[in-house]
Amino acid sequence: MQFWTSLSSSMQYVLEGFGEIFAPDHDDYPAVGVQPFEDEPYLGSNWTE
């Protein structure tokens, strides 16, 4: 009996984790839109060969 109870609680723990990972996002971020870029772009190159 204790084996089945332990197995059941372990499976519930794992399945709740999967449910949390693959559930839709429930973040409540405000919809502020894209922030404009108001500076000079960097035209230099950091590429070295």
PDB file of N, CA and C in Angstrom:
ATOM      1  N   MET A   1       0.824  -1.193   0.000  1.00  0.00           N
ATOM      2  CA  MET A   1       0.000   0.000   0.000  1.00  0.00           C
ATOM      3  C   MET A   1       0.867   1.256   0.000  1.00  0.00           C
ATOM      4  N   GLN A   2       1.918   1.255   0.789  1.00  0.00           N
ATOM      5  CA  GLN A   2       2.785   2.434   0.859  1.00  0.00           C
ATOM      6  C   GLN A   2       3.522   2.631  -0.468  1.00  0.00           C
ATOM      7  N   PHE A   3       3.846   1.530  -1.143  1.00  0.00           N
ATOM      8  CA  PHE A   3       4.521   1.629  -2.440  1.00  0.00           C
ATOM      9  C   PHE A   3       3.649   2.381  -3.446  1.00  0.00           C
ATOM     10  N   TRP A   4       2.359   2.026  -3.522  1.00  0.00           N
ATOM     11  CA  TRP A   4       1.465   2.655  -4.480  1.00  0.00           C
ATOM     12  C   TRP A   4       1.222   4.122  -4.138  1.00  0.00           C
ATOM     13  N   THR A   5       1.153   4.435  -2.877  1.00  0.00           N
ATOM     14  CA  THR A   5       0.978   5.827  -2.459  1.00  0.00           C
ATOM     15  C   THR A   5       2.208   6.645  -2.825  1.00  0.00           C
ATOM     16  N   SER A   6       3.380   6.082  -2.594  1.00  0.00           N
ATOM     17  CA  SER A   6       4.625   6.761  -2.932  1.00  0.00           C
ATOM     18  C   SER A   6       4.754   6.928  -4.442  1.00  0.00           C
ATOM     19  N   LEU A   7       4.414   5.882  -5.185  1.00  0.00           N
ATOM     20  CA  LEU A   7       4.475   5.953  -6.643  1.00  0.00           C
ATOM     21  C   LEU A   7       3.492   6.994  -7.175  1.00  0.00           C
ATOM     22  N   SER A   8       2.310   7.022  -6.623  1.00  0.00           N
ATOM     23  CA  SER A   8       1.296   7.979  -7.053  1.00  0.00           C
ATOM     24  C   SER A   8       1.731   9.415  -6.780  1.00  0.00           C
ATOM     25  N   SER A   9       2.282   9.667  -5.611  1.00  0.00           N
ATOM     26  CA  SER A   9       2.722  11.032  -5.294  1.00  0.00           C
ATOM     27  C   SER A   9       3.927  11.429  -6.139  1.00  0.00           C
ATOM     28  N   SER A  10       4.800  10.476  -6.445  1.00  0.00           N
ATOM     29  CA  SER A  10       5.950  10.774  -7.305  1.00  0.00           C
ATOM     30  C   SER A  10       5.493  11.112  -8.716  1.00  0.00           C
ATOM     31  N   MET A  11       4.557  10.335  -9.241  1.00  0.00           N
ATOM     32  CA  MET A  11       4.047  10.611 -10.578  1.00  0.00           C
ATOM     33  C   MET A  11       3.322  11.960 -10.625  1.00  0.00           C
ATOM     34  N   GLN A  12       2.589  12.279  -9.594  1.00  0.00           N
ATOM     35  CA  GLN A  12       1.904  13.568  -9.536  1.00  0.00           C
ATOM     36  C   GLN A  12       2.917  14.707  -9.531  1.00  0.00           C
ATOM     37  N   TYR A  13       4.014  14.553  -8.804  1.00  0.00           N
ATOM     38  CA  TYR A  13       5.063  15.570  -8.739  1.00  0.00           C
ATOM     39  C   TYR A  13       5.673  15.795 -10.122  1.00  0.00           C
ATOM     40  N   VAL A  14       5.976  14.702 -10.822  1.00  0.00           N
ATOM     41  CA  VAL A  14       6.594  14.809 -12.146  1.00  0.00           C
ATOM     42  C   VAL A  14       5.614  15.410 -13.150  1.00  0.00           C
ATOM     43  N   LEU A  15       4.368  14.962 -13.124  1.00  0.00           N
ATOM     44  CA  LEU A  15       3.387  15.465 -14.077  1.00  0.00           C
ATOM     45  C   LEU A  15       3.045  16.930 -13.833  1.00  0.00           C
ATOM     46  N   GLU A  16       3.061  17.382 -12.598  1.00  0.00           N
ATOM     47  CA  GLU A  16       2.851  18.808 -12.331  1.00  0.00           C
ATOM     48  C   GLU A  16       3.998  19.631 -12.901  1.00  0.00           C
ATOM     49  N   GLY A  17       5.211  19.095 -12.838  1.00  0.00           N
ATOM     50  CA  GLY A  17       6.355  19.782 -13.442  1.00  0.00           C
ATOM     51  C   GLY A  17       6.208  19.902 -14.946  1.00  0.00           C
ATOM     52  N   PHE A  18       5.822  18.797 -15.608  1.00  0.00           N
ATOM     53  CA  PHE A  18       5.587  18.848 -17.051  1.00  0.00           C
ATOM     54  C   PHE A  18       4.464  19.825 -17.389  1.00  0.00           C
ATOM     55  N   GLY A  19       3.432  19.823 -16.591  1.00  0.00           N
ATOM     56  CA  GLY A  19       2.330  20.751 -16.830  1.00  0.00           C
ATOM     57  C   GLY A  19       2.762  22.197 -16.701  1.00  0.00           C
ATOM     58  N   GLU A  20       3.639  22.481 -15.770  1.00  0.00           N
ATOM     59  CA  GLU A  20       4.125  23.852 -15.580  1.00  0.00           C
ATOM     60  C   GLU A  20       5.049  24.262 -16.724  1.00  0.00           C
ATOM     61  N   ILE A  21       5.855  23.323 -17.217  1.00  0.00           N
ATOM     62  CA  ILE A  21       6.780  23.636 -18.308  1.00  0.00           C
ATOM     63  C   ILE A  21       6.033  23.875 -19.615  1.00  0.00           C
ATOM     64  N   PHE A  22       5.082  23.014 -19.941  1.00  0.00           N
ATOM     65  CA  PHE A  22       4.429  23.072 -21.241  1.00  0.00           C
ATOM     66  C   PHE A  22       3.097  23.817 -21.229  1.00  0.00           C
ATOM     67  N   ALA A  23       2.742  24.434 -20.129  1.00  0.00           N
ATOM     68  CA  ALA A  23       1.508  25.219 -20.066  1.00  0.00           C
ATOM     69  C   ALA A  23       1.720  26.562 -20.769  1.00  0.00           C
ATOM     70  N   PRO A  24       0.650  27.178 -21.234  1.00  0.00           N
ATOM     71  CA  PRO A  24       0.792  28.516 -21.817  1.00  0.00           C
ATOM     72  C   PRO A  24       1.322  29.501 -20.769  1.00  0.00           C
ATOM     73  N   ASP A  25       2.000  30.516 -21.267  1.00  0.00           N
ATOM     74  CA  ASP A  25       2.557  31.519 -20.355  1.00  0.00           C
ATOM     75  C   ASP A  25       1.447  32.212 -19.584  1.00  0.00           C
ATOM     76  N   HIS A  26       1.704  32.491 -18.333  1.00  0.00           N
ATOM     77  CA  HIS A  26       0.747  33.235 -17.524  1.00  0.00           C
ATOM     78  C   HIS A  26       1.431  34.439 -16.897  1.00  0.00           C
ATOM     79  N   ASP A  27       2.291  35.077 -17.719  1.00  0.00           N
ATOM     80  CA  ASP A  27       2.960  36.297 -17.283  1.00  0.00           C
ATOM     81  C   ASP A  27       2.047  37.481 -17.573  1.00  0.00           C
ATOM     82  N   ASP A  28       1.985  38.411 -16.670  1.00  0.00           N
ATOM     83  CA  ASP A  28       1.131  39.578 -16.838  1.00  0.00           C
ATOM     84  C   ASP A  28       1.979  40.828 -17.072  1.00  0.00           C
ATOM     85  N   TYR A  29       2.739  40.808 -18.176  1.00  0.00           N
ATOM     86  CA  TYR A  29       3.550  41.963 -18.504  1.00  0.00           C
ATOM     87  C   TYR A  29       2.676  43.040 -19.135  1.00  0.00           C
ATOM     88  N   PRO A  30       2.954  44.316 -18.874  1.00  0.00           N
ATOM     89  CA  PRO A  30       2.168  45.374 -19.512  1.00  0.00           C
ATOM     90  C   PRO A  30       2.507  45.478 -20.998  1.00  0.00           C
ATOM     91  N   ALA A  31       1.538  45.812 -21.797  1.00  0.00           N
ATOM     92  CA  ALA A  31       1.743  45.963 -23.240  1.00  0.00           C
ATOM     93  C   ALA A  31       2.234  47.377 -23.514  1.00  0.00           C
ATOM     94  N   VAL A  32       3.551  47.584 -23.505  1.00  0.00           N
ATOM     95  CA  VAL A  32       4.112  48.920 -23.686  1.00  0.00           C
ATOM     96  C   VAL A  32       4.571  49.157 -25.110  1.00  0.00           C
ATOM     97  N   GLY A  33       4.709  48.139 -25.906  1.00  0.00           N
ATOM     98  CA  GLY A  33       5.147  48.304 -27.279  1.00  0.00           C
ATOM     99  C   GLY A  33       6.657  48.368 -27.386  1.00  0.00           C
ATOM    100  N   VAL A  34       7.114  48.695 -28.584  1.00  0.00           N
ATOM    101  CA  VAL A  34       8.546  48.759 -28.870  1.00  0.00           C
ATOM    102  C   VAL A  34       9.071  50.128 -28.477  1.00  0.00           C
ATOM    103  N   GLN A  35      10.196  50.156 -27.805  1.00  0.00           N
ATOM    104  CA  GLN A  35      10.809  51.419 -27.418  1.00  0.00           C
ATOM    105  C   GLN A  35      11.669  51.934 -28.574  1.00  0.00           C
ATOM    106  N   PRO A  36      11.550  53.210 -28.932  1.00  0.00           N
ATOM    107  CA  PRO A  36      12.332  53.746 -30.052  1.00  0.00           C
ATOM    108  C   PRO A  36      13.812  53.877 -29.696  1.00  0.00           C
ATOM    109  N   PHE A  37      14.655  53.731 -30.714  1.00  0.00           N
ATOM    110  CA  PHE A  37      16.093  53.888 -30.548  1.00  0.00           C
ATOM    111  C   PHE A  37      16.438  55.327 -30.895  1.00  0.00           C
ATOM    112  N   GLU A  38      17.003  56.069 -29.951  1.00  0.00           N
ATOM    113  CA  GLU A  38      17.252  57.493 -30.152  1.00  0.00           C
ATOM    114  C   GLU A  38      18.728  57.848 -30.026  1.00  0.00           C
ATOM    115  N   ASP A  39      19.601  57.079 -30.646  1.00  0.00           N
ATOM    116  CA  ASP A  39      21.026  57.350 -30.545  1.00  0.00           C
ATOM    117  C   ASP A  39      21.675  57.043 -31.885  1.00  0.00           C
ATOM    118  N   GLU A  40      22.935  57.390 -32.003  1.00  0.00           N
ATOM    119  CA  GLU A  40      23.683  57.106 -33.216  1.00  0.00           C
ATOM    120  C   GLU A  40      24.062  55.629 -33.246  1.00  0.00           C
ATOM    121  N   PRO A  41      23.886  54.966 -34.383  1.00  0.00           N
ATOM    122  CA  PRO A  41      24.297  53.560 -34.464  1.00  0.00           C
ATOM    123  C   PRO A  41      25.816  53.441 -34.485  1.00  0.00           C
ATOM    124  N   TYR A  42      26.332  52.359 -33.951  1.00  0.00           N
ATOM    125  CA  TYR A  42      27.769  52.109 -33.934  1.00  0.00           C
ATOM    126  C   TYR A  42      28.187  51.594 -35.299  1.00  0.00           C
ATOM    127  N   LEU A  43      29.073  52.322 -35.986  1.00  0.00           N
ATOM    128  CA  LEU A  43      29.480  51.955 -37.333  1.00  0.00           C
ATOM    129  C   LEU A  43      30.841  51.284 -37.366  1.00  0.00           C
ATOM    130  N   GLY A  44      31.517  51.191 -36.244  1.00  0.00           N
ATOM    131  CA  GLY A  44      32.814  50.541 -36.201  1.00  0.00           C
ATOM    132  C   GLY A  44      32.682  49.038 -36.329  1.00  0.00           C
ATOM    133  N   SER A  45      33.798  48.407 -36.613  1.00  0.00           N
ATOM    134  CA  SER A  45      33.777  46.960 -36.791  1.00  0.00           C
ATOM    135  C   SER A  45      34.646  46.301 -35.729  1.00  0.00           C
ATOM    136  N   ASN A  46      34.126  45.295 -35.098  1.00  0.00           N
ATOM    137  CA  ASN A  46      34.897  44.510 -34.143  1.00  0.00           C
ATOM    138  C   ASN A  46      35.367  43.200 -34.755  1.00  0.00           C
ATOM    139  N   TRP A  47      35.117  43.022 -36.053  1.00  0.00           N
ATOM    140  CA  TRP A  47      35.441  41.770 -36.722  1.00  0.00           C
ATOM    141  C   TRP A  47      36.932  41.720 -37.032  1.00  0.00           C
ATOM    142  N   THR A  48      37.588  40.667 -36.615  1.00  0.00           N
ATOM    143  CA  THR A  48      39.005  40.486 -36.929  1.00  0.00           C
ATOM    144  C   THR A  48      39.175  39.143 -37.596  1.00  0.00           C
ATOM    145  N   GLU A  49      40.060  39.116 -38.582  1.00  0.00           N
ATOM    146  CA  GLU A  49      40.300  37.853 -39.284  1.00  0.00           C
ATOM    147  C   GLU A  49      41.672  37.339 -39.003  1.00  0.00           C
TER     148      GLU A  49
END
